[in-house]
């Protein structure tokens, strides 16, 4: 489940814009700084995801005799799964904290004070941020289901493996991974849209960005 990291865009101000736009800017950039911590955790988890996939594949590619001797790999997978789950919990908490940096009701009220173009772009930016967060929560849910499928497969890789059940568990894991990857792509697309709309809003609101 290798993840494409869409780093949140952090912008610097030069000069002044309208006071309402500045208020929104400060909340959105507080969110960006907090969300960046989650991106760092996500990158670490992504590298462990890739290592886990490769380790599972190495075990599954082995014959029955090799699987019986693959205790070290199974222990490595147990440790990896635990670490990945911890990282996902941490990432989820950090993204939740980042969203708490913004007061959507207050920002919508503030954006209503702006002229038509920045108001329209500001409203679109807030919608994009909400869509992005919902997309992450869906991804987190799919990731958890894939982790459960991985653990079931790992349970079946025993001293006397049942290859019929292993094949069935592998098929289920692949199904869950496809759903997880789809959810991840939707999150990345939502991140891209948000990162494009936010600076467009800043520019329309008269904030000089450098």
N, C-alpha and C. Protein backbone atom coordinates (compact mmCIF):
# COMPACT_ATOMS: atom_id res chain seq x y z
N UNK A 1 0.83 -1.19 0.00
CA UNK A 1 0.00 0.00 0.00
C UNK A 1 0.87 1.24 0.00
N UNK A 2 1.70 1.34 -1.00
CA UNK A 2 2.61 2.47 -1.08
C UNK A 2 1.81 3.74 -1.28
N UNK A 3 2.12 4.75 -0.51
CA UNK A 3 1.33 5.96 -0.53
C UNK A 3 2.05 7.07 -1.26
N UNK A 4 1.30 7.83 -2.06
CA UNK A 4 1.82 9.04 -2.69
C UNK A 4 1.55 10.18 -1.74
N UNK A 5 2.61 10.85 -1.32
CA UNK A 5 2.45 11.91 -0.34
C UNK A 5 2.18 13.22 -1.06
N UNK A 6 1.03 13.80 -0.78
CA UNK A 6 0.69 15.11 -1.33
C UNK A 6 0.91 16.13 -0.22
N UNK A 7 2.07 16.72 -0.17
CA UNK A 7 2.42 17.61 0.93
C UNK A 7 1.56 18.86 0.88
N UNK A 8 1.03 19.23 2.03
CA UNK A 8 0.20 20.42 2.12
C UNK A 8 1.02 21.66 1.82
N UNK A 9 0.48 22.53 0.96
CA UNK A 9 1.19 23.72 0.55
C UNK A 9 1.13 24.77 1.64
N UNK A 10 2.28 25.26 2.07
CA UNK A 10 2.36 26.32 3.06
C UNK A 10 2.86 27.57 2.36
N UNK A 11 2.14 28.67 2.48
CA UNK A 11 2.47 29.89 1.77
C UNK A 11 2.92 30.98 2.73
N UNK A 12 3.75 31.89 2.23
CA UNK A 12 4.25 33.01 3.02
C UNK A 12 3.59 34.29 2.54
N UNK A 13 3.29 35.16 3.46
CA UNK A 13 2.66 36.44 3.13
C UNK A 13 3.70 37.53 2.95
N UNK A 14 3.45 38.39 2.00
CA UNK A 14 4.26 39.61 1.83
C UNK A 14 3.28 40.74 1.66
N UNK A 15 3.25 41.66 2.58
CA UNK A 15 2.29 42.74 2.48
C UNK A 15 1.01 42.37 3.19
N UNK A 16 -0.09 43.04 2.83
CA UNK A 16 -1.35 42.86 3.54
C UNK A 16 -2.49 42.61 2.58
N UNK A 17 -3.48 41.89 3.03
CA UNK A 17 -4.73 41.74 2.31
C UNK A 17 -5.82 42.29 3.20
N UNK A 18 -7.07 41.95 2.88
CA UNK A 18 -8.16 42.42 3.73
C UNK A 18 -8.11 41.72 5.07
N UNK A 19 -8.63 42.36 6.10
CA UNK A 19 -8.63 41.76 7.43
C UNK A 19 -9.38 40.43 7.47
N UNK A 20 -10.60 40.34 6.85
CA UNK A 20 -11.28 39.03 6.85
C UNK A 20 -10.46 37.94 6.18
N UNK A 21 -9.82 38.26 5.05
CA UNK A 21 -9.01 37.27 4.35
C UNK A 21 -7.83 36.84 5.21
N UNK A 22 -7.25 37.78 5.95
CA UNK A 22 -6.13 37.45 6.83
C UNK A 22 -6.57 36.48 7.93
N UNK A 23 -7.77 36.68 8.44
CA UNK A 23 -8.27 35.78 9.49
C UNK A 23 -8.40 34.35 8.97
N UNK A 24 -8.93 34.22 7.76
CA UNK A 24 -9.07 32.90 7.15
C UNK A 24 -7.70 32.30 6.86
N UNK A 25 -6.81 33.14 6.33
CA UNK A 25 -5.44 32.70 6.03
C UNK A 25 -4.77 32.10 7.27
N UNK A 26 -4.88 32.78 8.38
CA UNK A 26 -4.21 32.33 9.60
C UNK A 26 -4.74 30.96 10.04
N UNK A 27 -6.04 30.75 9.92
CA UNK A 27 -6.59 29.44 10.31
C UNK A 27 -6.16 28.33 9.34
N UNK A 28 -6.20 28.63 8.05
CA UNK A 28 -5.82 27.62 7.07
C UNK A 28 -4.35 27.26 7.17
N UNK A 29 -3.51 28.24 7.45
CA UNK A 29 -2.08 27.94 7.56
C UNK A 29 -1.74 27.26 8.89
N UNK A 30 -2.53 27.53 9.93
CA UNK A 30 -2.36 26.77 11.18
C UNK A 30 -2.71 25.30 10.92
N UNK A 31 -3.76 25.09 10.13
CA UNK A 31 -4.10 23.72 9.75
C UNK A 31 -2.96 23.08 8.95
N UNK A 32 -2.39 23.85 8.00
CA UNK A 32 -1.33 23.31 7.15
C UNK A 32 -0.12 22.88 7.97
N UNK A 33 0.25 23.70 8.94
CA UNK A 33 1.41 23.35 9.78
C UNK A 33 1.14 22.09 10.59
N UNK A 34 -0.06 21.97 11.13
CA UNK A 34 -0.41 20.78 11.91
C UNK A 34 -0.51 19.55 11.02
N UNK A 35 -1.07 19.73 9.83
CA UNK A 35 -1.25 18.61 8.91
C UNK A 35 0.09 18.09 8.39
N UNK A 36 1.08 18.97 8.32
CA UNK A 36 2.39 18.55 7.84
C UNK A 36 2.99 17.47 8.74
N UNK A 37 2.70 17.52 10.03
CA UNK A 37 3.18 16.49 10.95
C UNK A 37 2.59 15.14 10.58
N UNK A 38 1.32 15.14 10.15
CA UNK A 38 0.68 13.89 9.73
C UNK A 38 1.31 13.38 8.45
N UNK A 39 1.70 14.28 7.55
CA UNK A 39 2.34 13.86 6.30
C UNK A 39 3.66 13.16 6.59
N UNK A 40 4.39 13.63 7.59
CA UNK A 40 5.66 13.01 7.94
C UNK A 40 5.44 11.59 8.47
N UNK A 41 4.41 11.42 9.28
CA UNK A 41 4.07 10.09 9.79
C UNK A 41 3.62 9.19 8.63
N UNK A 42 2.86 9.76 7.71
CA UNK A 42 2.38 9.02 6.55
C UNK A 42 3.53 8.50 5.70
N UNK A 43 4.55 9.31 5.55
CA UNK A 43 5.72 8.90 4.76
C UNK A 43 6.42 7.72 5.43
N UNK A 44 6.56 7.77 6.74
CA UNK A 44 7.18 6.66 7.47
C UNK A 44 6.34 5.39 7.32
N UNK A 45 5.03 5.53 7.45
CA UNK A 45 4.15 4.37 7.31
C UNK A 45 4.22 3.80 5.89
N UNK A 46 4.30 4.68 4.92
CA UNK A 46 4.36 4.24 3.53
C UNK A 46 5.56 3.35 3.26
N UNK A 47 6.70 3.70 3.84
CA UNK A 47 7.90 2.88 3.64
C UNK A 47 7.73 1.51 4.29
N UNK A 48 7.04 1.47 5.43
CA UNK A 48 6.78 0.19 6.09
C UNK A 48 5.74 -0.63 5.33
N UNK A 49 4.77 0.05 4.71
CA UNK A 49 3.79 -0.65 3.87
C UNK A 49 4.50 -1.39 2.75
N UNK A 50 5.42 -0.71 2.10
CA UNK A 50 6.14 -1.31 0.98
C UNK A 50 6.98 -2.50 1.43
N UNK A 51 7.64 -2.35 2.57
CA UNK A 51 8.44 -3.44 3.10
C UNK A 51 7.56 -4.64 3.44
N UNK A 52 6.39 -4.37 4.00
CA UNK A 52 5.47 -5.45 4.37
C UNK A 52 5.00 -6.22 3.14
N UNK A 53 4.61 -5.49 2.10
CA UNK A 53 4.14 -6.14 0.86
C UNK A 53 5.23 -7.05 0.30
N UNK A 54 6.45 -6.54 0.27
CA UNK A 54 7.57 -7.34 -0.26
C UNK A 54 7.83 -8.58 0.58
N UNK A 55 7.69 -8.46 1.90
CA UNK A 55 7.94 -9.59 2.79
C UNK A 55 6.85 -10.65 2.62
N UNK A 56 5.58 -10.20 2.55
CA UNK A 56 4.49 -11.15 2.30
C UNK A 56 4.73 -11.90 1.00
N UNK A 57 5.11 -11.17 -0.04
CA UNK A 57 5.30 -11.79 -1.34
C UNK A 57 6.43 -12.81 -1.31
N UNK A 58 7.49 -12.50 -0.57
CA UNK A 58 8.61 -13.43 -0.47
C UNK A 58 8.18 -14.73 0.20
N UNK A 59 7.33 -14.62 1.21
CA UNK A 59 6.84 -15.83 1.90
C UNK A 59 5.90 -16.62 0.98
N UNK A 60 5.00 -15.91 0.29
CA UNK A 60 4.04 -16.60 -0.56
C UNK A 60 4.68 -17.23 -1.79
N UNK A 61 5.77 -16.64 -2.25
CA UNK A 61 6.47 -17.20 -3.41
C UNK A 61 7.25 -18.47 -3.07
N UNK A 62 7.46 -18.71 -1.80
CA UNK A 62 8.23 -19.88 -1.39
C UNK A 62 7.37 -21.14 -1.48
N UNK A 63 8.01 -22.28 -1.58
CA UNK A 63 7.30 -23.55 -1.54
C UNK A 63 6.94 -23.90 -0.10
N UNK A 64 6.27 -25.01 0.09
CA UNK A 64 5.81 -25.38 1.43
C UNK A 64 6.97 -25.56 2.39
N UNK A 65 8.06 -26.16 1.94
CA UNK A 65 9.21 -26.34 2.84
C UNK A 65 9.79 -25.02 3.26
N UNK A 66 9.85 -24.08 2.33
CA UNK A 66 10.41 -22.77 2.67
C UNK A 66 9.50 -22.02 3.63
N UNK A 67 8.20 -22.13 3.41
CA UNK A 67 7.26 -21.46 4.31
C UNK A 67 7.42 -21.97 5.74
N UNK A 68 7.67 -23.28 5.87
CA UNK A 68 7.87 -23.83 7.21
C UNK A 68 9.11 -23.24 7.87
N UNK A 69 10.06 -22.83 7.04
CA UNK A 69 11.30 -22.27 7.60
C UNK A 69 11.28 -20.74 7.64
N UNK A 70 10.12 -20.14 7.37
CA UNK A 70 10.05 -18.68 7.25
C UNK A 70 9.61 -18.00 8.54
N UNK A 71 9.96 -18.59 9.65
CA UNK A 71 9.54 -18.02 10.94
C UNK A 71 10.04 -16.59 11.12
N UNK A 72 11.28 -16.32 10.71
CA UNK A 72 11.82 -14.97 10.86
C UNK A 72 11.00 -13.95 10.09
N UNK A 73 10.60 -14.32 8.86
CA UNK A 73 9.78 -13.41 8.07
C UNK A 73 8.42 -13.17 8.72
N UNK A 74 7.84 -14.22 9.28
CA UNK A 74 6.53 -14.07 9.92
C UNK A 74 6.65 -13.17 11.15
N UNK A 75 7.71 -13.32 11.90
CA UNK A 75 7.92 -12.46 13.06
C UNK A 75 8.12 -11.02 12.62
N UNK A 76 8.82 -10.84 11.51
CA UNK A 76 9.02 -9.50 10.98
C UNK A 76 7.68 -8.88 10.57
N UNK A 77 6.81 -9.69 9.97
CA UNK A 77 5.51 -9.19 9.56
C UNK A 77 4.64 -8.82 10.75
N UNK A 78 4.70 -9.60 11.81
CA UNK A 78 3.94 -9.28 13.03
C UNK A 78 4.38 -7.92 13.57
N UNK A 79 5.69 -7.70 13.62
CA UNK A 79 6.23 -6.43 14.12
C UNK A 79 5.85 -5.28 13.20
N UNK A 80 5.94 -5.52 11.89
CA UNK A 80 5.58 -4.48 10.92
C UNK A 80 4.11 -4.09 11.03
N UNK A 81 3.25 -5.09 11.14
CA UNK A 81 1.82 -4.80 11.24
C UNK A 81 1.50 -3.97 12.47
N UNK A 82 2.12 -4.31 13.57
CA UNK A 82 1.89 -3.54 14.80
C UNK A 82 2.37 -2.10 14.63
N UNK A 83 3.54 -1.93 14.04
CA UNK A 83 4.09 -0.59 13.82
C UNK A 83 3.22 0.22 12.87
N UNK A 84 2.77 -0.40 11.79
CA UNK A 84 1.95 0.30 10.80
C UNK A 84 0.62 0.74 11.41
N UNK A 85 0.03 -0.11 12.24
CA UNK A 85 -1.23 0.25 12.90
C UNK A 85 -1.02 1.43 13.84
N UNK A 86 0.08 1.42 14.56
CA UNK A 86 0.38 2.53 15.47
C UNK A 86 0.57 3.82 14.70
N UNK A 87 1.27 3.74 13.56
CA UNK A 87 1.50 4.93 12.75
C UNK A 87 0.19 5.47 12.16
N UNK A 88 -0.68 4.56 11.74
CA UNK A 88 -1.96 5.03 11.22
C UNK A 88 -2.79 5.70 12.30
N UNK A 89 -2.77 5.13 13.51
CA UNK A 89 -3.49 5.78 14.61
C UNK A 89 -2.92 7.16 14.89
N UNK A 90 -1.60 7.27 14.86
CA UNK A 90 -0.97 8.56 15.10
C UNK A 90 -1.30 9.54 13.99
N UNK A 91 -1.24 9.09 12.74
CA UNK A 91 -1.57 9.96 11.61
C UNK A 91 -3.01 10.45 11.70
N UNK A 92 -3.92 9.55 12.05
CA UNK A 92 -5.33 9.92 12.17
C UNK A 92 -5.53 10.98 13.25
N UNK A 93 -4.87 10.79 14.37
CA UNK A 93 -4.99 11.76 15.46
C UNK A 93 -4.42 13.12 15.05
N UNK A 94 -3.29 13.12 14.35
CA UNK A 94 -2.69 14.37 13.90
C UNK A 94 -3.59 15.09 12.90
N UNK A 95 -4.21 14.35 11.99
CA UNK A 95 -5.10 14.99 11.02
C UNK A 95 -6.35 15.53 11.71
N UNK A 96 -6.82 14.80 12.71
CA UNK A 96 -7.95 15.30 13.50
C UNK A 96 -7.57 16.59 14.21
N UNK A 97 -6.39 16.63 14.80
CA UNK A 97 -5.93 17.83 15.48
C UNK A 97 -5.78 18.99 14.51
N UNK A 98 -5.31 18.69 13.30
CA UNK A 98 -5.15 19.74 12.29
C UNK A 98 -6.51 20.36 11.93
N UNK A 99 -7.53 19.51 11.82
CA UNK A 99 -8.86 20.04 11.49
C UNK A 99 -9.42 20.89 12.62
N UNK A 100 -8.98 20.63 13.83
CA UNK A 100 -9.45 21.42 14.96
C UNK A 100 -8.85 22.82 14.98
N UNK A 101 -7.86 23.05 14.11
CA UNK A 101 -7.27 24.38 13.99
C UNK A 101 -8.19 25.34 13.24
N UNK A 102 -9.20 24.81 12.58
CA UNK A 102 -10.08 25.67 11.78
C UNK A 102 -11.51 25.61 12.32
N UNK A 103 -12.14 26.77 12.32
CA UNK A 103 -13.53 26.90 12.73
C UNK A 103 -14.32 27.20 11.45
N UNK A 104 -14.96 26.19 10.90
CA UNK A 104 -15.62 26.36 9.60
C UNK A 104 -16.76 27.37 9.66
N UNK A 105 -17.52 27.35 10.73
CA UNK A 105 -18.63 28.31 10.85
C UNK A 105 -18.09 29.74 10.87
N UNK A 106 -17.04 29.95 11.63
CA UNK A 106 -16.45 31.29 11.71
C UNK A 106 -15.85 31.71 10.36
N UNK A 107 -15.15 30.79 9.71
CA UNK A 107 -14.53 31.14 8.43
C UNK A 107 -15.58 31.41 7.36
N UNK A 108 -16.66 30.66 7.33
CA UNK A 108 -17.70 30.91 6.34
C UNK A 108 -18.34 32.28 6.57
N UNK A 109 -18.54 32.61 7.83
CA UNK A 109 -19.09 33.92 8.15
C UNK A 109 -18.14 35.03 7.71
N UNK A 110 -16.85 34.80 7.92
CA UNK A 110 -15.84 35.79 7.52
C UNK A 110 -15.77 35.93 6.01
N UNK A 111 -15.80 34.82 5.31
CA UNK A 111 -15.72 34.84 3.85
C UNK A 111 -16.90 35.56 3.24
N UNK A 112 -18.05 35.53 3.90
CA UNK A 112 -19.24 36.22 3.41
C UNK A 112 -19.00 37.73 3.29
N UNK A 113 -18.03 38.26 4.01
CA UNK A 113 -17.73 39.70 3.97
C UNK A 113 -16.92 40.09 2.74
N UNK A 114 -16.38 39.13 2.02
CA UNK A 114 -15.50 39.42 0.89
C UNK A 114 -16.28 39.72 -0.38
N UNK A 115 -15.58 40.27 -1.37
CA UNK A 115 -16.19 40.50 -2.68
C UNK A 115 -16.53 39.17 -3.34
N UNK A 116 -17.24 39.24 -4.46
CA UNK A 116 -17.79 38.03 -5.06
C UNK A 116 -16.73 36.99 -5.42
N UNK A 117 -15.67 37.39 -6.12
CA UNK A 117 -14.69 36.40 -6.57
C UNK A 117 -13.97 35.73 -5.40
N UNK A 118 -13.37 36.50 -4.47
CA UNK A 118 -12.72 35.81 -3.34
C UNK A 118 -13.72 35.05 -2.47
N UNK A 119 -14.95 35.53 -2.40
CA UNK A 119 -15.96 34.81 -1.62
C UNK A 119 -16.23 33.44 -2.24
N UNK A 120 -16.41 33.43 -3.56
CA UNK A 120 -16.67 32.17 -4.26
C UNK A 120 -15.49 31.20 -4.10
N UNK A 121 -14.28 31.72 -4.28
CA UNK A 121 -13.09 30.87 -4.16
C UNK A 121 -12.87 30.43 -2.72
N UNK A 122 -13.17 31.30 -1.78
CA UNK A 122 -13.03 30.95 -0.37
C UNK A 122 -13.98 29.84 0.03
N UNK A 123 -15.23 29.93 -0.43
CA UNK A 123 -16.20 28.88 -0.13
C UNK A 123 -15.78 27.55 -0.75
N UNK A 124 -15.25 27.61 -1.97
CA UNK A 124 -14.78 26.40 -2.64
C UNK A 124 -13.60 25.79 -1.90
N UNK A 125 -12.74 26.64 -1.36
CA UNK A 125 -11.57 26.16 -0.63
C UNK A 125 -11.99 25.41 0.64
N UNK A 126 -12.95 25.96 1.35
CA UNK A 126 -13.43 25.29 2.56
C UNK A 126 -14.10 23.97 2.23
N UNK A 127 -14.87 23.93 1.15
CA UNK A 127 -15.49 22.67 0.74
C UNK A 127 -14.43 21.63 0.40
N UNK A 128 -13.38 22.09 -0.27
CA UNK A 128 -12.29 21.17 -0.65
C UNK A 128 -11.60 20.60 0.58
N UNK A 129 -11.42 21.44 1.60
CA UNK A 129 -10.77 20.97 2.82
C UNK A 129 -11.63 19.91 3.51
N UNK A 130 -12.94 20.15 3.55
CA UNK A 130 -13.84 19.17 4.17
C UNK A 130 -13.85 17.86 3.37
N UNK A 131 -13.91 17.97 2.05
CA UNK A 131 -13.90 16.77 1.21
C UNK A 131 -12.61 15.99 1.40
N UNK A 132 -11.49 16.72 1.50
CA UNK A 132 -10.20 16.06 1.70
C UNK A 132 -10.19 15.27 3.00
N UNK A 133 -10.71 15.86 4.07
CA UNK A 133 -10.70 15.18 5.36
C UNK A 133 -11.61 13.95 5.32
N UNK A 134 -12.77 14.07 4.70
CA UNK A 134 -13.66 12.91 4.59
C UNK A 134 -13.00 11.81 3.76
N UNK A 135 -12.27 12.21 2.73
CA UNK A 135 -11.56 11.22 1.90
C UNK A 135 -10.50 10.49 2.71
N UNK A 136 -9.83 11.22 3.61
CA UNK A 136 -8.84 10.56 4.46
C UNK A 136 -9.51 9.56 5.39
N UNK A 137 -10.64 9.93 5.98
CA UNK A 137 -11.33 9.02 6.90
C UNK A 137 -11.77 7.74 6.18
N UNK A 138 -12.19 7.87 4.92
CA UNK A 138 -12.53 6.68 4.13
C UNK A 138 -11.28 5.84 3.89
N UNK A 139 -10.18 6.51 3.55
CA UNK A 139 -8.93 5.79 3.34
C UNK A 139 -8.50 5.06 4.61
N UNK A 140 -8.62 5.72 5.75
CA UNK A 140 -8.25 5.09 7.02
C UNK A 140 -9.08 3.83 7.26
N UNK A 141 -10.38 3.92 6.97
CA UNK A 141 -11.27 2.76 7.16
C UNK A 141 -10.86 1.61 6.25
N UNK A 142 -10.58 1.92 4.98
CA UNK A 142 -10.16 0.88 4.03
C UNK A 142 -8.81 0.28 4.43
N UNK A 143 -7.93 1.12 4.90
CA UNK A 143 -6.61 0.66 5.32
C UNK A 143 -6.76 -0.32 6.48
N UNK A 144 -7.66 -0.01 7.42
CA UNK A 144 -7.89 -0.90 8.55
C UNK A 144 -8.42 -2.26 8.11
N UNK A 145 -9.33 -2.26 7.12
CA UNK A 145 -9.88 -3.52 6.61
C UNK A 145 -8.78 -4.34 5.93
N UNK A 146 -7.89 -3.66 5.21
CA UNK A 146 -6.78 -4.36 4.56
C UNK A 146 -5.83 -4.95 5.60
N UNK A 147 -5.62 -4.22 6.68
CA UNK A 147 -4.77 -4.73 7.75
C UNK A 147 -5.36 -5.99 8.36
N UNK A 148 -6.68 -6.02 8.54
CA UNK A 148 -7.33 -7.22 9.08
C UNK A 148 -7.15 -8.40 8.13
N UNK A 149 -7.24 -8.14 6.83
CA UNK A 149 -7.05 -9.21 5.84
C UNK A 149 -5.60 -9.69 5.87
N UNK A 150 -4.66 -8.79 6.08
CA UNK A 150 -3.26 -9.18 6.19
C UNK A 150 -3.04 -10.07 7.40
N UNK A 151 -3.65 -9.71 8.51
CA UNK A 151 -3.47 -10.50 9.73
C UNK A 151 -4.06 -11.90 9.58
N UNK A 152 -5.17 -12.02 8.85
CA UNK A 152 -5.76 -13.33 8.61
C UNK A 152 -4.82 -14.17 7.75
N UNK A 153 -4.24 -13.56 6.73
CA UNK A 153 -3.28 -14.28 5.89
C UNK A 153 -2.08 -14.70 6.71
N UNK A 154 -1.60 -13.81 7.55
CA UNK A 154 -0.44 -14.13 8.38
C UNK A 154 -0.75 -15.30 9.31
N UNK A 155 -1.97 -15.33 9.84
CA UNK A 155 -2.36 -16.42 10.73
C UNK A 155 -2.30 -17.76 10.02
N UNK A 156 -2.59 -17.76 8.73
CA UNK A 156 -2.61 -19.00 7.96
C UNK A 156 -1.21 -19.48 7.56
N UNK A 157 -0.24 -18.62 7.67
CA UNK A 157 1.13 -19.02 7.31
C UNK A 157 1.75 -19.72 8.51
N UNK A 158 1.29 -20.92 8.76
CA UNK A 158 1.68 -21.67 9.94
C UNK A 158 2.72 -22.73 9.57
N UNK A 159 3.07 -23.54 10.55
CA UNK A 159 4.04 -24.61 10.32
C UNK A 159 3.51 -25.63 9.30
N UNK A 160 2.19 -25.82 9.29
CA UNK A 160 1.57 -26.72 8.32
C UNK A 160 0.54 -25.92 7.52
N UNK A 161 1.00 -25.14 6.57
CA UNK A 161 0.11 -24.22 5.86
C UNK A 161 -0.91 -24.95 5.00
N UNK A 162 -2.14 -24.43 4.99
CA UNK A 162 -3.21 -24.91 4.12
C UNK A 162 -3.24 -23.97 2.91
N UNK A 163 -2.74 -24.44 1.78
CA UNK A 163 -2.55 -23.54 0.64
C UNK A 163 -3.86 -23.14 -0.02
N UNK A 164 -4.91 -23.92 0.15
CA UNK A 164 -6.22 -23.51 -0.37
C UNK A 164 -6.70 -22.29 0.40
N UNK A 165 -6.62 -22.37 1.73
CA UNK A 165 -7.05 -21.24 2.55
C UNK A 165 -6.13 -20.03 2.35
N UNK A 166 -4.84 -20.29 2.16
CA UNK A 166 -3.89 -19.20 1.91
C UNK A 166 -4.24 -18.48 0.61
N UNK A 167 -4.59 -19.25 -0.41
CA UNK A 167 -4.99 -18.64 -1.69
C UNK A 167 -6.25 -17.80 -1.53
N UNK A 168 -7.21 -18.30 -0.76
CA UNK A 168 -8.45 -17.56 -0.53
C UNK A 168 -8.17 -16.27 0.24
N UNK A 169 -7.31 -16.37 1.27
CA UNK A 169 -6.97 -15.20 2.07
C UNK A 169 -6.18 -14.18 1.25
N UNK A 170 -5.34 -14.67 0.36
CA UNK A 170 -4.58 -13.77 -0.52
C UNK A 170 -5.51 -13.03 -1.45
N UNK A 171 -6.51 -13.73 -2.00
CA UNK A 171 -7.48 -13.09 -2.88
C UNK A 171 -8.26 -12.01 -2.14
N UNK A 172 -8.65 -12.31 -0.88
CA UNK A 172 -9.37 -11.32 -0.08
C UNK A 172 -8.48 -10.12 0.23
N UNK A 173 -7.23 -10.38 0.53
CA UNK A 173 -6.31 -9.28 0.80
C UNK A 173 -6.16 -8.40 -0.44
N UNK A 174 -6.01 -9.01 -1.59
CA UNK A 174 -5.88 -8.23 -2.83
C UNK A 174 -7.13 -7.39 -3.09
N UNK A 175 -8.30 -7.95 -2.77
CA UNK A 175 -9.54 -7.17 -2.94
C UNK A 175 -9.55 -5.95 -2.02
N UNK A 176 -9.16 -6.17 -0.77
CA UNK A 176 -9.11 -5.07 0.18
C UNK A 176 -8.05 -4.03 -0.22
N UNK A 177 -6.95 -4.49 -0.75
CA UNK A 177 -5.89 -3.56 -1.18
C UNK A 177 -6.36 -2.71 -2.35
N UNK A 178 -7.13 -3.29 -3.27
CA UNK A 178 -7.65 -2.50 -4.39
C UNK A 178 -8.56 -1.39 -3.88
N UNK A 179 -9.41 -1.71 -2.90
CA UNK A 179 -10.30 -0.68 -2.34
C UNK A 179 -9.50 0.38 -1.59
N UNK A 180 -8.46 -0.07 -0.89
CA UNK A 180 -7.62 0.88 -0.16
C UNK A 180 -6.90 1.81 -1.13
N UNK A 181 -6.36 1.24 -2.20
CA UNK A 181 -5.65 2.06 -3.18
C UNK A 181 -6.59 3.07 -3.85
N UNK A 182 -7.83 2.65 -4.11
CA UNK A 182 -8.80 3.57 -4.69
C UNK A 182 -9.09 4.73 -3.73
N UNK A 183 -9.28 4.40 -2.46
CA UNK A 183 -9.53 5.45 -1.46
C UNK A 183 -8.33 6.37 -1.32
N UNK A 184 -7.14 5.81 -1.43
CA UNK A 184 -5.92 6.62 -1.35
C UNK A 184 -5.83 7.58 -2.53
N UNK A 185 -6.16 7.10 -3.71
CA UNK A 185 -6.13 7.95 -4.89
C UNK A 185 -7.13 9.09 -4.77
N UNK A 186 -8.30 8.80 -4.19
CA UNK A 186 -9.31 9.84 -3.99
C UNK A 186 -8.82 10.88 -2.98
N UNK A 187 -8.13 10.42 -1.94
CA UNK A 187 -7.56 11.36 -0.98
C UNK A 187 -6.49 12.23 -1.63
N UNK A 188 -5.63 11.62 -2.43
CA UNK A 188 -4.58 12.38 -3.11
C UNK A 188 -5.18 13.40 -4.08
N UNK A 189 -6.24 13.00 -4.78
CA UNK A 189 -6.90 13.93 -5.71
C UNK A 189 -7.54 15.09 -4.95
N UNK A 190 -8.15 14.79 -3.80
CA UNK A 190 -8.75 15.84 -2.98
C UNK A 190 -7.68 16.78 -2.44
N UNK A 191 -6.54 16.24 -2.08
CA UNK A 191 -5.42 17.06 -1.60
C UNK A 191 -4.94 17.98 -2.72
N UNK A 192 -4.83 17.44 -3.92
CA UNK A 192 -4.38 18.24 -5.07
C UNK A 192 -5.34 19.40 -5.34
N UNK A 193 -6.64 19.11 -5.32
CA UNK A 193 -7.64 20.17 -5.55
C UNK A 193 -7.53 21.25 -4.48
N UNK A 194 -7.41 20.83 -3.24
CA UNK A 194 -7.31 21.80 -2.15
C UNK A 194 -6.05 22.66 -2.29
N UNK A 195 -4.93 22.02 -2.62
CA UNK A 195 -3.67 22.76 -2.76
C UNK A 195 -3.70 23.72 -3.94
N UNK A 196 -4.56 23.48 -4.90
CA UNK A 196 -4.71 24.40 -6.03
C UNK A 196 -5.66 25.54 -5.69
N UNK A 197 -6.73 25.23 -4.95
CA UNK A 197 -7.74 26.24 -4.67
C UNK A 197 -7.31 27.24 -3.60
N UNK A 198 -6.54 26.77 -2.65
CA UNK A 198 -6.16 27.66 -1.55
C UNK A 198 -5.36 28.87 -2.02
N UNK A 199 -4.27 28.70 -2.80
CA UNK A 199 -3.53 29.88 -3.25
C UNK A 199 -4.35 30.74 -4.22
N UNK A 200 -5.27 30.14 -4.97
CA UNK A 200 -6.13 30.93 -5.86
C UNK A 200 -7.03 31.84 -5.03
N UNK A 201 -7.52 31.32 -3.92
CA UNK A 201 -8.32 32.15 -3.01
C UNK A 201 -7.48 33.27 -2.41
N UNK A 202 -6.28 32.96 -1.96
CA UNK A 202 -5.41 33.98 -1.38
C UNK A 202 -5.17 35.11 -2.38
N UNK A 203 -4.90 34.74 -3.62
CA UNK A 203 -4.61 35.74 -4.65
C UNK A 203 -5.84 36.62 -4.91
N UNK A 204 -6.99 35.99 -5.03
CA UNK A 204 -8.23 36.76 -5.30
C UNK A 204 -8.57 37.67 -4.13
N UNK A 205 -8.17 37.26 -2.92
CA UNK A 205 -8.48 38.06 -1.72
C UNK A 205 -7.48 39.19 -1.52
N UNK A 206 -6.50 39.30 -2.40
CA UNK A 206 -5.53 40.39 -2.32
C UNK A 206 -4.36 40.13 -1.40
N UNK A 207 -4.10 38.87 -1.10
CA UNK A 207 -2.93 38.53 -0.29
C UNK A 207 -1.76 38.31 -1.23
N UNK A 208 -0.71 39.06 -1.03
CA UNK A 208 0.48 38.92 -1.86
C UNK A 208 1.30 37.75 -1.38
N UNK A 209 1.47 36.76 -2.25
CA UNK A 209 2.15 35.54 -1.88
C UNK A 209 3.51 35.48 -2.54
N UNK A 210 4.50 35.07 -1.78
CA UNK A 210 5.83 34.87 -2.38
C UNK A 210 6.40 33.55 -1.91
